[in-house]
PDB file of N, CA and C in Angstrom:
ATOM      1  N   MET A   1       1.085  -1.084  -0.157  1.00  0.00           N
ATOM      2  CA  MET A   1      -0.140  -0.311  -0.426  1.00  0.00           C
ATOM      3  C   MET A   1       1.117   1.068   0.022  1.00  0.00           C
ATOM      4  N   LYS A   2       1.039   2.470  -1.378  1.00  0.00           N
ATOM      5  CA  LYS A   2       1.307   3.311  -0.865  1.00  0.00           C
ATOM      6  C   LYS A   2       0.776   4.424   0.199  1.00  0.00           C
ATOM      7  N   LEU A   3       1.930   5.172   0.537  1.00  0.00           N
ATOM      8  CA  LEU A   3       1.325   5.761   2.248  1.00  0.00           C
ATOM      9  C   LEU A   3       1.613   7.474   0.818  1.00  0.00           C
ATOM     10  N   THR A   4      -0.008   8.272   1.394  1.00  0.00           N
ATOM     11  CA  THR A   4       1.042   9.799   1.151  1.00  0.00           C
ATOM     12  C   THR A   4       2.048  10.269   2.572  1.00  0.00           C
ATOM     13  N   ALA A   5       2.426  11.398   2.016  1.00  0.00           N
ATOM     14  CA  ALA A   5       3.017  12.372   3.173  1.00  0.00           C
ATOM     15  C   ALA A   5       2.231  12.595   4.308  1.00  0.00           C
ATOM     16  N   MET A   6       0.936  13.167   3.604  1.00  0.00           N
ATOM     17  CA  MET A   6       0.045  13.179   5.012  1.00  0.00           C
ATOM     18  C   MET A   6      -0.769  11.805   5.447  1.00  0.00           C
ATOM     19  N   ASP A   7      -0.927  10.514   5.307  1.00  0.00           N
ATOM     20  CA  ASP A   7      -0.573   9.552   5.813  1.00  0.00           C
ATOM     21  C   ASP A   7       0.576   9.571   6.469  1.00  0.00           C
ATOM     22  N   LEU A   8       1.356   9.944   6.521  1.00  0.00           N
ATOM     23  CA  LEU A   8       3.159   9.658   7.304  1.00  0.00           C
ATOM     24  C   LEU A   8       2.612  10.408   8.668  1.00  0.00           C
ATOM     25  N   VAL A   9       2.223  11.973   8.489  1.00  0.00           N
ATOM     26  CA  VAL A   9       2.148  12.975   9.709  1.00  0.00           C
ATOM     27  C   VAL A   9       1.137  12.238  10.382  1.00  0.00           C
ATOM     28  N   ALA A  10      -0.197  11.964   9.597  1.00  0.00           N
ATOM     29  CA  ALA A  10      -0.841  10.942  10.702  1.00  0.00           C
ATOM     30  C   ALA A  10      -0.638  10.618  11.591  1.00  0.00           C
ATOM     31  N   ALA A  11       0.307   9.535  10.919  1.00  0.00           N
ATOM     32  CA  ALA A  11       0.893   8.264  12.231  1.00  0.00           C
ATOM     33  C   ALA A  11       1.419   8.594  12.671  1.00  0.00           C
ATOM     34  N   ALA A  12       2.155   9.894  12.841  1.00  0.00           N
ATOM     35  CA  ALA A  12       3.364  10.321  13.330  1.00  0.00           C
ATOM     36  C   ALA A  12       2.696  10.768  14.750  1.00  0.00           C
ATOM     37  N   LYS A  13       1.438  11.600  14.089  1.00  0.00           N
ATOM     38  CA  LYS A  13       0.753  12.269  15.078  1.00  0.00           C
ATOM     39  C   LYS A  13       0.021  11.469  16.388  1.00  0.00           C
ATOM     40  N   GLN A  14       0.241   9.895  15.853  1.00  0.00           N
ATOM     41  CA  GLN A  14      -0.608   9.056  16.833  1.00  0.00           C
ATOM     42  C   GLN A  14       0.609   8.875  18.133  1.00  0.00           C
ATOM     43  N   ASN A  15       1.834   9.182  17.717  1.00  0.00           N
ATOM     44  CA  ASN A  15       3.241   8.814  18.483  1.00  0.00           C
ATOM     45  C   ASN A  15       3.570   9.941  19.005  1.00  0.00           C
ATOM     46  N   ILE A  16       3.095  10.702  19.129  1.00  0.00           N
ATOM     47  CA  ILE A  16       3.541  11.911  20.125  1.00  0.00           C
ATOM     48  C   ILE A  16       2.566  12.636  20.464  1.00  0.00           C
ATOM     49  N   THR A  17       3.396  14.153  21.347  1.00  0.00           N
ATOM     50  CA  THR A  17       2.496  14.896  22.070  1.00  0.00           C
ATOM     51  C   THR A  17       2.744  16.201  21.248  1.00  0.00           C
ATOM     52  N   GLU A  18       1.520  16.636  21.108  1.00  0.00           N
ATOM     53  CA  GLU A  18       0.926  17.534  20.452  1.00  0.00           C
ATOM     54  C   GLU A  18       0.606  18.697  21.407  1.00  0.00           C
ATOM     55  N   ILE A  19       1.185  20.359  21.204  1.00  0.00           N
ATOM     56  CA  ILE A  19       0.628  21.228  22.503  1.00  0.00           C
ATOM     57  C   ILE A  19      -0.240  22.034  21.150  1.00  0.00           C
ATOM     58  N   ASP A  20      -1.142  23.004  22.209  1.00  0.00           N
ATOM     59  CA  ASP A  20      -1.282  24.296  21.194  1.00  0.00           C
ATOM     60  C   ASP A  20      -0.700  25.730  22.227  1.00  0.00           C
ATOM     61  N   VAL A  21      -1.199  26.548  20.617  1.00  0.00           N
ATOM     62  CA  VAL A  21      -0.272  27.834  20.766  1.00  0.00           C
ATOM     63  C   VAL A  21      -0.210  28.289  22.315  1.00  0.00           C
ATOM     64  N   ALA A  22      -1.943  28.450  22.590  1.00  0.00           N
ATOM     65  CA  ALA A  22      -2.117  28.861  24.013  1.00  0.00           C
ATOM     66  C   ALA A  22      -1.182  28.224  25.244  1.00  0.00           C
ATOM     67  N   THR A  23      -1.251  27.157  25.372  1.00  0.00           N
ATOM     68  CA  THR A  23      -0.185  26.438  26.287  1.00  0.00           C
ATOM     69  C   THR A  23       1.421  26.257  25.770  1.00  0.00           C
ATOM     70  N   ALA A  24       1.864  26.832  24.879  1.00  0.00           N
ATOM     71  CA  ALA A  24       2.799  26.441  24.552  1.00  0.00           C
ATOM     72  C   ALA A  24       3.434  28.450  24.647  1.00  0.00           C
ATOM     73  N   LYS A  25       2.616  29.538  24.969  1.00  0.00           N
ATOM     74  CA  LYS A  25       2.813  30.279  25.462  1.00  0.00           C
ATOM     75  C   LYS A  25       3.183  30.492  26.602  1.00  0.00           C
ATOM     76  N   LYS A  26       2.424  30.017  27.383  1.00  0.00           N
ATOM     77  CA  LYS A  26       2.538  29.875  28.383  1.00  0.00           C
ATOM     78  C   LYS A  26       3.604  29.390  29.310  1.00  0.00           C
ATOM     79  N   VAL A  27       4.005  28.564  28.592  1.00  0.00           N
ATOM     80  CA  VAL A  27       4.989  27.228  28.952  1.00  0.00           C
ATOM     81  C   VAL A  27       6.343  27.607  28.259  1.00  0.00           C
ATOM     82  N   LEU A  28       6.838  28.547  27.301  1.00  0.00           N
ATOM     83  CA  LEU A  28       7.118  28.666  26.377  1.00  0.00           C
ATOM     84  C   LEU A  28       8.938  28.453  26.587  1.00  0.00           C
ATOM     85  N   SER A  29       9.215  29.263  28.433  1.00  0.00           N
ATOM     86  CA  SER A  29      10.110  29.003  28.583  1.00  0.00           C
ATOM     87  C   SER A  29      11.114  28.438  29.413  1.00  0.00           C
ATOM     88  N   LYS A  30      10.462  27.167  29.593  1.00  0.00           N
ATOM     89  CA  LYS A  30      10.944  25.863  29.644  1.00  0.00           C
ATOM     90  C   LYS A  30      11.217  25.088  28.678  1.00  0.00           C
ATOM     91  N   PHE A  31      11.042  25.529  27.273  1.00  0.00           N
ATOM     92  CA  PHE A  31      11.248  24.653  26.102  1.00  0.00           C
ATOM     93  C   PHE A  31      12.907  25.244  25.876  1.00  0.00           C
ATOM     94  N   ILE A  32      13.649  24.179  24.970  1.00  0.00           N
ATOM     95  CA  ILE A  32      14.622  24.702  23.878  1.00  0.00           C
ATOM     96  C   ILE A  32      13.871  24.533  23.041  1.00  0.00           C
ATOM     97  N   VAL A  33      13.673  25.498  22.399  1.00  0.00           N
ATOM     98  CA  VAL A  33      12.521  25.657  21.213  1.00  0.00           C
ATOM     99  C   VAL A  33      13.574  25.207  19.528  1.00  0.00           C
ATOM    100  N   LEU A  34      12.850  24.227  18.844  1.00  0.00           N
ATOM    101  CA  LEU A  34      13.698  23.970  17.889  1.00  0.00           C
ATOM    102  C   LEU A  34      12.380  23.840  16.575  1.00  0.00           C
ATOM    103  N   ASP A  35      12.879  25.000  15.225  1.00  0.00           N
ATOM    104  CA  ASP A  35      12.430  25.184  14.092  1.00  0.00           C
ATOM    105  C   ASP A  35      13.161  24.526  12.973  1.00  0.00           C
ATOM    106  N   VAL A  36      12.320  23.403  12.623  1.00  0.00           N
ATOM    107  CA  VAL A  36      12.573  22.585  11.607  1.00  0.00           C
ATOM    108  C   VAL A  36      11.990  22.672  10.316  1.00  0.00           C
ATOM    109  N   ARG A  37      11.751  24.253  10.056  1.00  0.00           N
ATOM    110  CA  ARG A  37      12.200  24.848   8.449  1.00  0.00           C
ATOM    111  C   ARG A  37      12.787  25.569   8.126  1.00  0.00           C
ATOM    112  N   THR A  38      12.972  25.224   6.784  1.00  0.00           N
ATOM    113  CA  THR A  38      14.163  25.757   5.881  1.00  0.00           C
ATOM    114  C   THR A  38      14.756  26.995   6.648  1.00  0.00           C
ATOM    115  N   PRO A  39      16.045  27.429   6.340  1.00  0.00           N
ATOM    116  CA  PRO A  39      16.275  28.359   6.620  1.00  0.00           C
ATOM    117  C   PRO A  39      15.805  30.095   6.306  1.00  0.00           C
ATOM    118  N   ALA A  40      15.482  29.895   4.739  1.00  0.00           N
ATOM    119  CA  ALA A  40      14.787  30.647   4.045  1.00  0.00           C
ATOM    120  C   ALA A  40      13.279  30.931   4.894  1.00  0.00           C
ATOM    121  N   GLU A  41      12.901  30.051   5.396  1.00  0.00           N
ATOM    122  CA  GLU A  41      11.478  30.132   6.542  1.00  0.00           C
ATOM    123  C   GLU A  41      11.977  30.691   7.720  1.00  0.00           C
ATOM    124  N   PHE A  42      12.971  30.215   8.187  1.00  0.00           N
ATOM    125  CA  PHE A  42      13.414  30.906  10.079  1.00  0.00           C
ATOM    126  C   PHE A  42      13.941  32.271   9.486  1.00  0.00           C
ATOM    127  N   ILE A  43      14.235  32.874   8.485  1.00  0.00           N
ATOM    128  CA  ILE A  43      14.731  34.014   8.045  1.00  0.00           C
ATOM    129  C   ILE A  43      13.840  35.073   8.260  1.00  0.00           C
ATOM    130  N   ASN A  44      12.412  34.648   7.821  1.00  0.00           N
ATOM    131  CA  ASN A  44      11.556  35.618   7.869  1.00  0.00           C
ATOM    132  C   ASN A  44      10.577  35.283   9.264  1.00  0.00           C
ATOM    133  N   GLY A  45      11.200  34.941   9.739  1.00  0.00           N
ATOM    134  CA  GLY A  45      10.208  35.198  10.917  1.00  0.00           C
ATOM    135  C   GLY A  45      10.243  33.744  12.165  1.00  0.00           C
ATOM    136  N   ALA A  46      10.228  33.770  13.458  1.00  0.00           N
ATOM    137  CA  ALA A  46      10.370  32.752  14.292  1.00  0.00           C
ATOM    138  C   ALA A  46      10.096  32.932  15.117  1.00  0.00           C
ATOM    139  N   LEU A  47       9.565  31.459  16.382  1.00  0.00           N
ATOM    140  CA  LEU A  47       9.668  31.712  17.483  1.00  0.00           C
ATOM    141  C   LEU A  47      10.416  32.387  18.648  1.00  0.00           C
ATOM    142  N   PRO A  48      10.363  33.000  19.477  1.00  0.00           N
ATOM    143  CA  PRO A  48      11.053  33.806  20.228  1.00  0.00           C
ATOM    144  C   PRO A  48      12.362  32.467  20.818  1.00  0.00           C
ATOM    145  N   ASP A  49      13.392  32.555  20.632  1.00  0.00           N
ATOM    146  CA  ASP A  49      14.812  32.069  21.076  1.00  0.00           C
ATOM    147  C   ASP A  49      14.868  30.765  19.979  1.00  0.00           C
ATOM    148  N   ALA A  50      14.038  30.556  19.491  1.00  0.00           N
ATOM    149  CA  ALA A  50      14.280  28.989  18.582  1.00  0.00           C
ATOM    150  C   ALA A  50      15.875  29.204  17.742  1.00  0.00           C
ATOM    151  N   ILE A  51      16.056  27.726  17.974  1.00  0.00           N
ATOM    152  CA  ILE A  51      16.896  27.231  16.841  1.00  0.00           C
ATOM    153  C   ILE A  51      16.913  26.859  15.652  1.00  0.00           C
ATOM    154  N   ASN A  52      17.410  26.764  14.421  1.00  0.00           N
ATOM    155  CA  ASN A  52      16.813  26.344  12.908  1.00  0.00           C
ATOM    156  C   ASN A  52      17.740  25.140  12.810  1.00  0.00           C
ATOM    157  N   ILE A  53      17.343  24.025  12.781  1.00  0.00           N
ATOM    158  CA  ILE A  53      17.863  22.914  12.256  1.00  0.00           C
ATOM    159  C   ILE A  53      16.559  22.085  11.115  1.00  0.00           C
ATOM    160  N   SER A  54      16.864  22.764  10.106  1.00  0.00           N
ATOM    161  CA  SER A  54      15.888  21.932   8.796  1.00  0.00           C
ATOM    162  C   SER A  54      15.530  20.535   9.211  1.00  0.00           C
ATOM    163  N   ARG A  55      14.626  20.012   8.427  1.00  0.00           N
ATOM    164  CA  ARG A  55      13.901  18.962   8.739  1.00  0.00           C
ATOM    165  C   ARG A  55      15.109  17.821   8.069  1.00  0.00           C
ATOM    166  N   GLY A  56      15.476  17.865   6.647  1.00  0.00           N
ATOM    167  CA  GLY A  56      15.922  17.633   6.152  1.00  0.00           C
ATOM    168  C   GLY A  56      17.397  17.069   6.447  1.00  0.00           C
ATOM    169  N   ILE A  57      18.121  18.027   7.614  1.00  0.00           N
ATOM    170  CA  ILE A  57      18.941  17.424   7.840  1.00  0.00           C
ATOM    171  C   ILE A  57      19.227  17.214   9.469  1.00  0.00           C
ATOM    172  N   LEU A  58      17.951  17.447  10.314  1.00  0.00           N
ATOM    173  CA  LEU A  58      17.576  17.174  11.238  1.00  0.00           C
ATOM    174  C   LEU A  58      18.521  16.348  12.532  1.00  0.00           C
ATOM    175  N   GLU A  59      18.146  14.547  11.698  1.00  0.00           N
ATOM    176  CA  GLU A  59      18.164  13.621  12.464  1.00  0.00           C
ATOM    177  C   GLU A  59      19.936  13.499  12.257  1.00  0.00           C
ATOM    178  N   PHE A  60      20.903  14.310  11.540  1.00  0.00           N
ATOM    179  CA  PHE A  60      22.362  13.917  11.408  1.00  0.00           C
ATOM    180  C   PHE A  60      22.690  14.894  12.064  1.00  0.00           C
ATOM    181  N   ARG A  61      22.396  15.970  12.320  1.00  0.00           N
ATOM    182  CA  ARG A  61      22.563  17.145  13.134  1.00  0.00           C
ATOM    183  C   ARG A  61      22.129  17.598  14.071  1.00  0.00           C
ATOM    184  N   ILE A  62      21.277  17.147  15.111  1.00  0.00           N
ATOM    185  CA  ILE A  62      20.746  17.473  16.276  1.00  0.00           C
ATOM    186  C   ILE A  62      22.162  16.886  17.754  1.00  0.00           C
ATOM    187  N   GLU A  63      22.539  15.490  17.310  1.00  0.00           N
ATOM    188  CA  GLU A  63      23.681  15.065  18.685  1.00  0.00           C
ATOM    189  C   GLU A  63      24.740  16.400  18.763  1.00  0.00           C
ATOM    190  N   ASN A  64      25.051  16.931  17.827  1.00  0.00           N
ATOM    191  CA  ASN A  64      25.969  17.637  18.046  1.00  0.00           C
ATOM    192  C   ASN A  64      26.485  18.859  17.771  1.00  0.00           C
ATOM    193  N   HIS A  65      24.942  19.038  17.636  1.00  0.00           N
ATOM    194  CA  HIS A  65      24.596  21.114  17.979  1.00  0.00           C
ATOM    195  C   HIS A  65      24.984  21.072  19.536  1.00  0.00           C
ATOM    196  N   PRO A  66      25.380  22.155  19.638  1.00  0.00           N
ATOM    197  CA  PRO A  66      26.017  22.848  20.829  1.00  0.00           C
ATOM    198  C   PRO A  66      24.482  22.704  21.898  1.00  0.00           C
ATOM    199  N   ASP A  67      23.318  23.139  21.680  1.00  0.00           N
ATOM    200  CA  ASP A  67      22.374  23.731  22.453  1.00  0.00           C
ATOM    201  C   ASP A  67      21.304  22.215  22.851  1.00  0.00           C
ATOM    202  N   PHE A  68      21.648  20.968  21.705  1.00  0.00           N
ATOM    203  CA  PHE A  68      20.912  19.808  22.222  1.00  0.00           C
ATOM    204  C   PHE A  68      22.306  18.625  22.504  1.00  0.00           C
ATOM    205  N   LYS A  69      23.240  18.774  22.713  1.00  0.00           N
ATOM    206  CA  LYS A  69      24.249  17.937  22.640  1.00  0.00           C
ATOM    207  C   LYS A  69      23.743  17.071  24.369  1.00  0.00           C
ATOM    208  N   ASN A  70      23.912  16.127  24.035  1.00  0.00           N
ATOM    209  CA  ASN A  70      23.905  15.538  25.618  1.00  0.00           C
ATOM    210  C   ASN A  70      22.484  15.748  26.803  1.00  0.00           C
ATOM    211  N   LYS A  71      21.933  16.388  25.959  1.00  0.00           N
ATOM    212  CA  LYS A  71      20.760  16.883  26.250  1.00  0.00           C
ATOM    213  C   LYS A  71      19.045  15.765  26.339  1.00  0.00           C
ATOM    214  N   GLN A  72      19.224  14.935  25.806  1.00  0.00           N
ATOM    215  CA  GLN A  72      18.229  13.937  25.521  1.00  0.00           C
ATOM    216  C   GLN A  72      16.829  14.031  26.709  1.00  0.00           C
ATOM    217  N   ASP A  73      16.980  14.548  27.880  1.00  0.00           N
ATOM    218  CA  ASP A  73      16.159  14.821  28.935  1.00  0.00           C
ATOM    219  C   ASP A  73      15.684  16.163  28.818  1.00  0.00           C
ATOM    220  N   ALA A  74      15.848  16.975  27.689  1.00  0.00           N
ATOM    221  CA  ALA A  74      15.650  18.552  27.638  1.00  0.00           C
ATOM    222  C   ALA A  74      14.100  18.194  27.332  1.00  0.00           C
ATOM    223  N   ASP A  75      13.369  19.361  27.909  1.00  0.00           N
ATOM    224  CA  ASP A  75      12.192  19.863  27.040  1.00  0.00           C
ATOM    225  C   ASP A  75      12.118  20.421  25.887  1.00  0.00           C
ATOM    226  N   ILE A  76      11.935  19.830  25.075  1.00  0.00           N
ATOM    227  CA  ILE A  76      11.757  20.830  23.279  1.00  0.00           C
ATOM    228  C   ILE A  76      10.614  20.556  22.737  1.00  0.00           C
ATOM    229  N   LEU A  77       9.946  22.109  22.195  1.00  0.00           N
ATOM    230  CA  LEU A  77       9.355  22.384  21.680  1.00  0.00           C
ATOM    231  C   LEU A  77       9.689  22.670  20.037  1.00  0.00           C
ATOM    232  N   VAL A  78       9.406  21.337  19.145  1.00  0.00           N
ATOM    233  CA  VAL A  78       9.459  21.371  18.000  1.00  0.00           C
ATOM    234  C   VAL A  78       8.445  21.923  16.921  1.00  0.00           C
ATOM    235  N   TYR A  79       8.445  22.568  15.950  1.00  0.00           N
ATOM    236  CA  TYR A  79       7.641  23.367  15.086  1.00  0.00           C
ATOM    237  C   TYR A  79       8.197  23.693  13.732  1.00  0.00           C
ATOM    238  N   CYS A  80       7.006  23.510  12.866  1.00  0.00           N
ATOM    239  CA  CYS A  80       7.565  24.025  11.579  1.00  0.00           C
ATOM    240  C   CYS A  80       6.378  25.106  10.997  1.00  0.00           C
ATOM    241  N   GLN A  81       5.917  24.829   9.803  1.00  0.00           N
ATOM    242  CA  GLN A  81       5.014  26.253   9.276  1.00  0.00           C
ATOM    243  C   GLN A  81       3.169  25.794  10.074  1.00  0.00           C
ATOM    244  N   THR A  82       3.483  24.566   9.501  1.00  0.00           N
ATOM    245  CA  THR A  82       2.089  24.411   9.902  1.00  0.00           C
ATOM    246  C   THR A  82       1.866  22.688  10.602  1.00  0.00           C
ATOM    247  N   GLY A  83       2.785  22.221  10.983  1.00  0.00           N
ATOM    248  CA  GLY A  83       2.643  21.368  11.627  1.00  0.00           C
ATOM    249  C   GLY A  83       3.257  19.758  11.058  1.00  0.00           C
ATOM    250  N   GLY A  84       3.202  19.655   9.921  1.00  0.00           N
ATOM    251  CA  GLY A  84       3.677  18.292   9.080  1.00  0.00           C
ATOM    252  C   GLY A  84       4.772  18.124   9.228  1.00  0.00           C
ATOM    253  N   ARG A  85       5.684  18.820   9.569  1.00  0.00           N
ATOM    254  CA  ARG A  85       7.228  18.385   9.521  1.00  0.00           C
ATOM    255  C   ARG A  85       7.819  18.545  10.629  1.00  0.00           C
ATOM    256  N   ALA A  86       6.727  19.118  11.706  1.00  0.00           N
ATOM    257  CA  ALA A  86       7.070  19.078  13.087  1.00  0.00           C
ATOM    258  C   ALA A  86       6.988  17.755  13.757  1.00  0.00           C
ATOM    259  N   ALA A  87       6.039  17.047  12.992  1.00  0.00           N
ATOM    260  CA  ALA A  87       5.087  16.127  13.704  1.00  0.00           C
ATOM    261  C   ALA A  87       6.225  14.338  13.869  1.00  0.00           C
ATOM    262  N   LEU A  88       6.971  14.403  11.736  1.00  0.00           N
ATOM    263  CA  LEU A  88       7.427  13.981  11.733  1.00  0.00           C
ATOM    264  C   LEU A  88       9.342  13.908  12.487  1.00  0.00           C
ATOM    265  N   ALA A  89       9.778  15.428  12.487  1.00  0.00           N
ATOM    266  CA  ALA A  89      10.619  15.564  13.227  1.00  0.00           C
ATOM    267  C   ALA A  89      10.404  15.007  14.342  1.00  0.00           C
ATOM    268  N   THR A  90       9.296  15.163  15.665  1.00  0.00           N
ATOM    269  CA  THR A  90       9.136  15.141  16.963  1.00  0.00           C
ATOM    270  C   THR A  90       9.446  13.246  17.000  1.00  0.00           C
ATOM    271  N   GLU A  91       8.588  12.868  15.933  1.00  0.00           N
ATOM    272  CA  GLU A  91       8.638  11.074  16.210  1.00  0.00           C
ATOM    273  C   GLU A  91      10.119  10.833  16.383  1.00  0.00           C
ATOM    274  N   ASN A  92      10.829  10.994  15.572  1.00  0.00           N
ATOM    275  CA  ASN A  92      12.116  11.010  14.698  1.00  0.00           C
ATOM    276  C   ASN A  92      13.277  11.502  16.290  1.00  0.00           C
ATOM    277  N   LEU A  93      12.845  12.690  16.547  1.00  0.00           N
ATOM    278  CA  LEU A  93      13.631  12.487  17.752  1.00  0.00           C
ATOM    279  C   LEU A  93      12.926  11.371  19.124  1.00  0.00           C
ATOM    280  N   LEU A  94      11.467  11.259  19.556  1.00  0.00           N
ATOM    281  CA  LEU A  94      12.019  10.247  20.401  1.00  0.00           C
ATOM    282  C   LEU A  94      12.198   9.180  20.459  1.00  0.00           C
ATOM    283  N   LYS A  95      12.416   8.378  19.129  1.00  0.00           N
ATOM    284  CA  LYS A  95      13.096   7.460  18.557  1.00  0.00           C
ATOM    285  C   LYS A  95      14.901   7.702  19.095  1.00  0.00           C
ATOM    286  N   MET A  96      15.255   9.083  18.992  1.00  0.00           N
ATOM    287  CA  MET A  96      16.424   9.269  19.238  1.00  0.00           C
ATOM    288  C   MET A  96      17.157   9.332  20.424  1.00  0.00           C
ATOM    289  N   GLY A  97      15.732   9.318  21.440  1.00  0.00           N
ATOM    290  CA  GLY A  97      15.883   9.440  23.003  1.00  0.00           C
ATOM    291  C   GLY A  97      15.903  10.792  23.781  1.00  0.00           C
ATOM    292  N   TYR A  98      15.262  11.672  22.651  1.00  0.00           N
ATOM    293  CA  TYR A  98      15.160  12.560  23.411  1.00  0.00           C
ATOM    294  C   TYR A  98      13.340  12.771  23.349  1.00  0.00           C
ATOM    295  N   GLU A  99      13.541  12.250  24.686  1.00  0.00           N
ATOM    296  CA  GLU A  99      12.252  11.862  25.724  1.00  0.00           C
ATOM    297  C   GLU A  99      10.856  12.511  25.796  1.00  0.00           C
ATOM    298  N   LYS A 100      11.504  14.371  25.983  1.00  0.00           N
ATOM    299  CA  LYS A 100      10.364  15.267  26.139  1.00  0.00           C
ATOM    300  C   LYS A 100      10.197  16.345  25.194  1.00  0.00           C
ATOM    301  N   ALA A 101      10.315  15.467  23.739  1.00  0.00           N
ATOM    302  CA  ALA A 101      10.278  16.406  22.675  1.00  0.00           C
ATOM    303  C   ALA A 101       8.623  16.628  22.337  1.00  0.00           C
ATOM    304  N   VAL A 102       8.179  17.154  22.029  1.00  0.00           N
ATOM    305  CA  VAL A 102       6.778  17.693  21.868  1.00  0.00           C
ATOM    306  C   VAL A 102       6.244  18.683  20.537  1.00  0.00           C
ATOM    307  N   SER A 103       5.582  18.792  19.709  1.00  0.00           N
ATOM    308  CA  SER A 103       5.087  19.226  18.568  1.00  0.00           C
ATOM    309  C   SER A 103       3.979  20.434  18.772  1.00  0.00           C
ATOM    310  N   LEU A 104       4.674  21.695  18.167  1.00  0.00           N
ATOM    311  CA  LEU A 104       3.482  22.688  18.443  1.00  0.00           C
ATOM    312  C   LEU A 104       2.681  22.462  17.254  1.00  0.00           C
ATOM    313  N   ASN A 105       1.094  22.097  17.701  1.00  0.00           N
ATOM    314  CA  ASN A 105      -0.082  21.846  16.882  1.00  0.00           C
ATOM    315  C   ASN A 105      -0.788  23.124  15.995  1.00  0.00           C
ATOM    316  N   GLY A 106      -0.453  22.962  14.290  1.00  0.00           N
ATOM    317  CA  GLY A 106      -0.300  24.158  13.888  1.00  0.00           C
ATOM    318  C   GLY A 106       0.915  25.058  13.451  1.00  0.00           C
ATOM    319  N   GLY A 107       1.906  24.729  14.462  1.00  0.00           N
ATOM    320  CA  GLY A 107       3.096  25.475  13.802  1.00  0.00           C
ATOM    321  C   GLY A 107       3.095  27.038  14.105  1.00  0.00           C
ATOM    322  N   TYR A 108       4.002  27.593  13.020  1.00  0.00           N
ATOM    323  CA  TYR A 108       4.252  28.841  13.123  1.00  0.00           C
ATOM    324  C   TYR A 108       3.325  29.614  12.323  1.00  0.00           C
ATOM    325  N   GLN A 109       2.576  28.768  11.990  1.00  0.00           N
ATOM    326  CA  GLN A 109       1.067  29.725  10.935  1.00  0.00           C
ATOM    327  C   GLN A 109       0.371  30.127  12.586  1.00  0.00           C
ATOM    328  N   ALA A 110      -0.183  28.906  12.990  1.00  0.00           N
ATOM    329  CA  ALA A 110      -1.106  29.376  14.096  1.00  0.00           C
ATOM    330  C   ALA A 110      -0.282  30.073  14.593  1.00  0.00           C
ATOM    331  N   TRP A 111       0.999  30.423  15.305  1.00  0.00           N
ATOM    332  CA  TRP A 111       1.038  30.825  16.751  1.00  0.00           C
ATOM    333  C   TRP A 111       1.263  32.456  15.808  1.00  0.00           C
ATOM    334  N   GLN A 112       1.444  32.752  14.672  1.00  0.00           N
ATOM    335  CA  GLN A 112       0.933  33.825  13.989  1.00  0.00           C
ATOM    336  C   GLN A 112      -0.250  34.142  14.166  1.00  0.00           C
ATOM    337  N   ALA A 113      -1.019  33.379  13.524  1.00  0.00           N
ATOM    338  CA  ALA A 113      -2.447  33.744  13.881  1.00  0.00           C
ATOM    339  C   ALA A 113      -3.349  34.136  15.287  1.00  0.00           C
ATOM    340  N   SER A 114      -2.099  33.434  16.374  1.00  0.00           N
ATOM    341  CA  SER A 114      -2.691  33.864  17.721  1.00  0.00           C
ATOM    342  C   SER A 114      -2.161  35.170  18.361  1.00  0.00           C
ATOM    343  N   GLN A 115      -1.374  35.938  17.543  1.00  0.00           N
ATOM    344  CA  GLN A 115      -0.794  37.924  17.994  1.00  0.00           C
ATOM    345  C   GLN A 115      -1.674  38.086  17.579  1.00  0.00           C
TER     346      GLN A 115
END
């Protein structure tokens, strides 16, 4: 059976925790904020203190990135533009031992809409 990108996102969302924008805003300071969008998207606006590691290279870079090295027990808030890439990234982070990674439901688009 062939799966679509949205099928993969839906499956990932079954295995992760998502938090809404209102909750994220209340507890943002407790998180390392990870933006998995492209550098071009990141330059055009980001959540406060976000660290950009693109979805395409995340699994290869996160373990050696100074903000994440040896921090598998840290609270990490992952977001992208609308939530799909963040869901996939969060699922893989959990598999890699980042046990407290959560995804921002609706992504940067939802964050901006709440301003």
